[in-house]
């Protein structure tokens, strides 16, 4: 069985967690922290990099809405793709388009979700 290595970069300057997966076993370090309106993040892993900004708007009823927009790039010829995953306060999950093979850079925008915070991270996965 091939060991799969993943490195997750967490939002809002949280300590990076290293995830090593062998089969269904995952080891994680440190919880994700939520990023708020105006935050910009530029995480990288051993085979990927990304940039995104957390944007917020307030609707006519005074309710806040949050979204992320940026890009993700595959930087290593390792047989893996890169993506950004975002989890919003209302429970919605957004996945950016995949970036692969090496050198591929894709832009993304999550659209708006209720709330003012978002948990987002860069990750790699086998294809």
Protein backbone atom coordinates (compact mmCIF):
# COMPACT_ATOMS: atom_id res chain seq x y z
CA UNK A 1 0.00 0.00 0.00
CA UNK A 2 1.42 3.38 -1.03
CA UNK A 3 1.69 5.98 1.73
CA UNK A 4 -0.01 9.26 0.85
CA UNK A 5 1.51 12.46 2.17
CA UNK A 6 -0.47 15.63 2.60
CA UNK A 7 0.41 18.93 4.19
CA UNK A 8 -2.42 21.24 5.17
CA UNK A 9 -1.90 24.93 5.73
CA UNK A 10 -4.49 26.39 8.07
CA UNK A 11 -6.09 29.81 7.93
CA UNK A 12 -5.46 32.95 9.94
CA UNK A 13 -1.89 32.19 10.88
CA UNK A 14 -2.80 29.03 12.78
CA UNK A 15 0.00 26.56 13.28
CA UNK A 16 0.40 24.38 10.21
CA UNK A 17 -0.73 20.82 10.66
CA UNK A 18 1.03 17.89 9.11
CA UNK A 19 -1.25 15.14 7.90
CA UNK A 20 0.28 11.78 7.06
CA UNK A 21 -2.16 9.23 5.75
CA UNK A 22 -1.51 5.52 5.48
CA UNK A 23 -4.69 3.89 4.25
CA UNK A 24 -7.47 5.39 6.35
CA UNK A 25 -5.22 6.51 9.22
CA UNK A 26 -4.76 10.26 9.60
CA UNK A 27 -2.57 12.12 12.06
CA UNK A 28 -3.32 15.81 12.53
CA UNK A 29 -1.74 18.57 14.58
CA UNK A 30 -3.53 21.73 15.60
CA UNK A 31 -7.10 22.86 14.94
CA UNK A 32 -8.05 25.19 12.09
CA UNK A 33 -8.65 28.83 12.94
CA UNK A 34 -11.27 30.95 11.21
CA UNK A 35 -10.21 33.91 9.08
CA UNK A 36 -12.31 37.05 8.99
CA UNK A 37 -13.14 39.82 6.56
CA UNK A 38 -10.12 41.33 4.83
CA UNK A 39 -7.68 38.55 5.73
CA UNK A 40 -5.25 37.48 3.00
CA UNK A 41 -3.46 34.16 3.07
CA UNK A 42 -0.58 32.80 1.00
CA UNK A 43 -0.01 29.18 2.15
CA UNK A 44 2.28 26.62 0.56
CA UNK A 45 2.98 22.91 0.87
CA UNK A 46 5.81 20.80 -0.49
CA UNK A 47 4.01 20.62 -3.86
CA UNK A 48 1.53 23.50 -4.04
CA UNK A 49 0.94 27.16 -3.28
CA UNK A 50 -2.11 29.38 -3.10
CA UNK A 51 -3.32 32.87 -2.35
CA UNK A 52 -6.78 34.00 -1.29
CA UNK A 53 -8.56 36.93 0.27
CA UNK A 54 -11.54 36.71 2.60
CA UNK A 55 -14.15 39.19 1.38
CA UNK A 56 -17.34 40.28 3.11
CA UNK A 57 -20.44 42.21 2.14
CA UNK A 58 -23.45 43.37 4.13
CA UNK A 59 -26.84 43.02 2.49
CA UNK A 60 -29.73 45.50 2.71
CA UNK A 61 -31.04 43.72 5.83
CA UNK A 62 -27.71 44.15 7.63
CA UNK A 63 -26.71 40.47 7.33
CA UNK A 64 -23.05 39.72 6.63
CA UNK A 65 -21.93 37.40 3.85
CA UNK A 66 -18.43 35.98 3.37
CA UNK A 67 -16.52 34.49 0.44
CA UNK A 68 -12.97 33.74 -0.63
CA UNK A 69 -11.29 34.43 -3.96
CA UNK A 70 -7.78 33.73 -5.19
CA UNK A 71 -5.68 31.13 -6.97
CA UNK A 72 -4.04 27.73 -6.42
CA UNK A 73 -0.96 26.30 -8.23
CA UNK A 74 0.61 22.83 -8.46
CA UNK A 75 4.38 23.26 -7.98
CA UNK A 76 5.69 19.67 -7.98
CA UNK A 77 5.67 16.77 -10.43
CA UNK A 78 4.53 14.35 -7.71
CA UNK A 79 1.35 12.88 -9.22
CA UNK A 80 -0.83 14.96 -6.89
CA UNK A 81 -3.23 17.83 -7.52
CA UNK A 82 -3.76 20.89 -5.31
CA UNK A 83 -7.01 22.47 -4.10
CA UNK A 84 -8.31 24.94 -1.56
CA UNK A 85 -11.16 23.82 0.69
CA UNK A 86 -13.34 26.34 2.53
CA UNK A 87 -15.92 25.60 5.23
CA UNK A 88 -18.42 28.36 5.97
CA UNK A 89 -20.35 29.16 9.18
CA UNK A 90 -23.60 27.88 7.66
CA UNK A 91 -21.99 24.46 7.09
CA UNK A 92 -21.50 24.90 3.33
CA UNK A 93 -18.24 23.55 1.90
CA UNK A 94 -16.50 24.92 -1.20
CA UNK A 95 -13.69 23.26 -3.16
CA UNK A 96 -11.62 25.25 -5.63
CA UNK A 97 -10.98 23.79 -9.08
CA UNK A 98 -8.04 21.37 -9.04
CA UNK A 99 -4.59 22.51 -10.11
CA UNK A 100 -2.45 19.86 -11.83
CA UNK A 101 -0.13 18.89 -13.41
CA UNK A 102 2.95 20.83 -12.27
CA UNK A 103 2.80 24.50 -13.26
CA UNK A 104 -0.99 24.65 -13.55
CA UNK A 105 -2.48 27.71 -11.83
CA UNK A 106 -6.25 28.16 -11.51
CA UNK A 107 -8.27 31.07 -10.15
CA UNK A 108 -11.31 30.56 -7.94
CA UNK A 109 -14.13 32.42 -6.22
CA UNK A 110 -16.41 30.70 -3.72
CA UNK A 111 -19.39 33.01 -4.02
CA UNK A 112 -21.16 34.40 -0.96
CA UNK A 113 -22.29 32.48 2.14
CA UNK A 114 -23.94 33.75 5.34
CA UNK A 115 -21.51 34.79 8.08
CA UNK A 116 -18.28 36.72 8.51
CA UNK A 117 -15.68 33.95 9.04
CA UNK A 118 -14.37 31.05 6.97
CA UNK A 119 -12.07 28.08 7.63
CA UNK A 120 -9.97 27.45 4.53
CA UNK A 121 -6.82 25.53 3.73
CA UNK A 122 -4.62 24.38 0.88
CA UNK A 123 -4.19 20.65 0.38
CA UNK A 124 -2.79 18.08 -2.05
CA UNK A 125 -4.31 14.74 -3.03
CA UNK A 126 -3.48 11.77 -5.26
CA UNK A 127 -5.19 11.56 -8.65
